[in-house]
Amino acid sequence: EIFNKNEIIFKKGDSPNYIYIIISGQIKLYISNSNIEYEFLDFTVGDCLGEASLISIEPHGGTAICQKKTECIMISRKTLFNLHKSYPTLFSKIILNIARELARRLHKNTDILAKYMSLHRILIVLLIKAPIFSTSIFNISSFLRNLGGVNPIPTPFG
């Protein structure tokens, strides 16, 4: 399947139907929190996405958007189930590799969360110890950006 630049692959809350393996191009995954969209993950050639939702039978947790023309191999839930019945060894290898990739992402996101929590503690201390930081003159978003925190970014979807 070929997707065009800015084409939405899936939206947050959509039912998962496919695993997407990128042959060429780039896809970004955006997540939202309190109606603010964040760029979360960047997928390029050889990466797959949608696998966590498909395997967990949970709606997609984010919105995936092509950053340029992108070609993907799409593996449907039905195809995956048929592999399980017809080619159990191949199915096992696919599931093992998906589990490894999900574990790598979990470790990476745990590191990001730990960094964010440290920055959050610093900000709280600053707000308590130095009241000037709590005034409207001080831009908290700018402060977090300078410390390397997670930044809200505008997204190409509404």
Protein backbone atom coordinates (compact mmCIF):
# COMPACT_ATOMS: atom_id res chain seq x y z
CA GLU A 1 0.00 0.00 0.00
CA ILE A 2 1.26 3.49 -0.85
CA PHE A 3 0.29 6.47 1.30
CA ASN A 4 0.77 10.13 0.37
CA LYS A 5 2.40 12.87 2.42
CA ASN A 6 0.14 14.02 5.30
CA GLU A 7 -2.14 11.01 4.83
CA ILE A 8 -3.49 9.63 8.08
CA ILE A 9 -2.77 5.90 8.49
CA PHE A 10 -4.92 5.58 11.60
CA LYS A 11 -6.37 7.88 14.26
CA LYS A 12 -6.34 7.64 18.02
CA GLY A 13 -9.25 5.45 19.09
CA ASP A 14 -9.49 3.58 15.77
CA SER A 15 -9.86 -0.18 15.94
CA PRO A 16 -6.58 -1.88 14.97
CA ASN A 17 -6.80 -3.88 11.77
CA TYR A 18 -3.24 -4.00 10.47
CA ILE A 19 0.42 -4.08 11.31
CA TYR A 20 2.28 -1.66 9.03
CA ILE A 21 5.87 -2.38 8.00
CA ILE A 22 7.55 0.59 6.32
CA ILE A 23 9.27 -0.20 3.00
CA SER A 24 10.00 3.44 2.14
CA GLY A 25 9.09 6.80 3.62
CA GLN A 26 8.41 8.07 7.11
CA ILE A 27 5.47 8.04 9.55
CA LYS A 28 5.13 10.02 12.77
CA LEU A 29 2.95 8.96 15.66
CA TYR A 30 1.25 11.75 17.58
CA ILE A 31 -0.32 11.35 21.00
CA SER A 32 -2.51 13.78 22.90
CA ASN A 33 -2.88 14.71 26.52
CA SER A 34 -5.31 17.36 27.76
CA ASN A 35 -6.08 18.34 24.14
CA ILE A 36 -2.41 19.05 23.39
CA GLU A 37 -0.84 17.02 20.58
CA TYR A 38 2.72 15.71 20.97
CA GLU A 39 5.05 14.18 18.43
CA PHE A 40 5.75 10.82 20.06
CA LEU A 41 7.57 8.41 17.75
CA ASP A 42 9.18 8.58 14.33
CA PHE A 43 9.04 5.47 12.13
CA THR A 44 11.28 4.94 9.09
CA VAL A 45 12.28 2.14 6.70
CA GLY A 46 12.17 -1.26 8.39
CA ASP A 47 10.07 -0.11 11.36
CA CYS A 48 6.62 -1.44 12.08
CA LEU A 49 3.69 0.21 13.79
CA GLY A 50 0.21 -0.76 14.85
CA GLU A 51 1.45 -4.07 16.24
CA ALA A 52 0.89 -3.22 19.90
CA SER A 53 -2.74 -2.29 19.29
CA LEU A 54 -3.39 -5.27 17.03
CA ILE A 55 -1.92 -7.78 19.47
CA SER A 56 -3.47 -6.21 22.58
CA ILE A 57 -6.85 -5.78 20.84
CA GLU A 58 -6.93 -2.19 22.10
CA PRO A 59 -7.80 0.93 20.08
CA HIS A 60 -4.86 2.88 18.69
CA GLY A 61 -3.38 5.18 21.33
CA GLY A 62 -2.23 7.80 18.84
CA THR A 63 -2.58 9.12 15.33
CA ALA A 64 -0.10 8.03 12.62
CA ILE A 65 0.59 10.47 9.78
CA CYS A 66 2.87 10.07 6.75
CA GLN A 67 5.60 12.70 6.62
CA LYS A 68 6.28 11.95 2.95
CA LYS A 69 5.15 9.42 0.37
CA THR A 70 5.35 6.09 2.20
CA GLU A 71 5.05 2.48 1.12
CA CYS A 72 4.02 -0.13 3.68
CA ILE A 73 3.42 -3.83 3.82
CA MET A 74 0.16 -4.32 5.69
CA ILE A 75 -0.46 -7.49 7.68
CA SER A 76 -4.09 -7.88 8.64
CA ARG A 77 -5.39 -9.47 11.83
CA LYS A 78 -6.86 -12.27 9.69
CA THR A 79 -3.51 -12.95 7.96
CA LEU A 80 -1.76 -13.06 11.34
CA PHE A 81 -4.38 -15.51 12.64
CA ASN A 82 -3.99 -17.67 9.51
CA LEU A 83 -0.21 -17.73 10.01
CA HIS A 84 -0.83 -18.99 13.53
CA LYS A 85 -2.86 -21.91 12.17
CA SER A 86 -0.89 -22.72 9.01
CA TYR A 87 2.71 -21.76 9.85
CA PRO A 88 3.12 -21.81 13.63
CA THR A 89 6.92 -21.59 13.50
CA LEU A 90 6.83 -18.48 11.32
CA PHE A 91 4.07 -17.00 13.49
CA SER A 92 6.19 -17.61 16.61
CA LYS A 93 9.19 -15.84 15.06
CA ILE A 94 7.07 -12.85 14.06
CA ILE A 95 5.51 -12.57 17.52
CA LEU A 96 8.93 -12.92 19.19
CA ASN A 97 10.35 -10.10 17.06
CA ILE A 98 7.34 -7.91 17.78
CA ALA A 99 7.75 -8.59 21.51
CA ARG A 100 11.44 -7.63 21.31
CA GLU A 101 10.63 -4.38 19.52
CA LEU A 102 7.92 -3.51 22.02
CA ALA A 103 10.33 -4.22 24.89
CA ARG A 104 12.92 -1.88 23.30
CA ARG A 105 10.31 0.87 23.01
CA LEU A 106 9.23 0.31 26.59
CA HIS A 107 12.82 0.70 27.82
CA LYS A 108 13.29 3.87 25.75
CA ASN A 109 10.03 5.36 26.99
CA THR A 110 10.89 4.47 30.58
CA ASP A 111 14.11 6.48 30.21
CA ILE A 112 12.15 9.42 28.75
CA LEU A 113 9.62 9.24 31.59
CA ALA A 114 12.39 9.21 34.21
CA LYS A 115 13.92 12.33 32.63
CA TYR A 116 10.53 14.04 32.52
CA MET A 117 9.87 13.21 36.18
CA SER A 118 13.24 14.68 37.17
CA LEU A 119 12.46 17.88 35.27
CA HIS A 120 9.03 18.00 36.90
CA ARG A 121 10.61 17.81 40.37
CA ILE A 122 13.03 20.62 39.48
CA LEU A 123 10.15 22.78 38.28
CA ILE A 124 8.14 22.20 41.47
CA VAL A 125 11.15 23.14 43.61
CA LEU A 126 11.63 26.31 41.56
CA LEU A 127 7.97 27.24 41.87
CA ILE A 128 8.05 26.75 45.65
CA LYS A 129 11.45 28.31 46.34
CA ALA A 130 11.36 31.17 43.84
CA PRO A 131 7.91 32.77 43.47
CA ILE A 132 9.09 34.80 40.48
CA PHE A 133 8.91 31.61 38.42
CA SER A 134 5.18 31.35 39.07
CA THR A 135 4.43 34.77 37.56
CA SER A 136 3.15 35.26 34.05
CA ILE A 137 6.55 36.74 33.10
CA PHE A 138 8.10 33.28 33.34
CA ASN A 139 7.28 30.98 30.43
CA ILE A 140 7.17 27.40 31.76
CA SER A 141 7.05 25.91 28.27
CA SER A 142 10.24 27.79 27.40
CA PHE A 143 11.85 26.61 30.64
CA LEU A 144 11.07 22.95 29.91
CA ARG A 145 12.23 23.31 26.31
CA ASN A 146 15.59 24.69 27.50
CA LEU A 147 15.99 21.78 29.91
CA GLY A 148 15.18 19.24 27.22
CA GLY A 149 11.65 18.40 28.30
CA VAL A 150 8.82 17.20 26.10
CA ASN A 151 7.40 19.99 23.96
CA PRO A 152 3.89 20.38 22.69
CA ILE A 153 3.99 20.88 18.93
CA PRO A 154 1.35 21.82 16.41
CA THR A 155 0.17 18.89 14.33
CA PRO A 156 -1.14 18.67 10.79
CA PHE A 157 -4.50 17.38 12.02
CA GLY A 158 -7.23 19.03 14.04
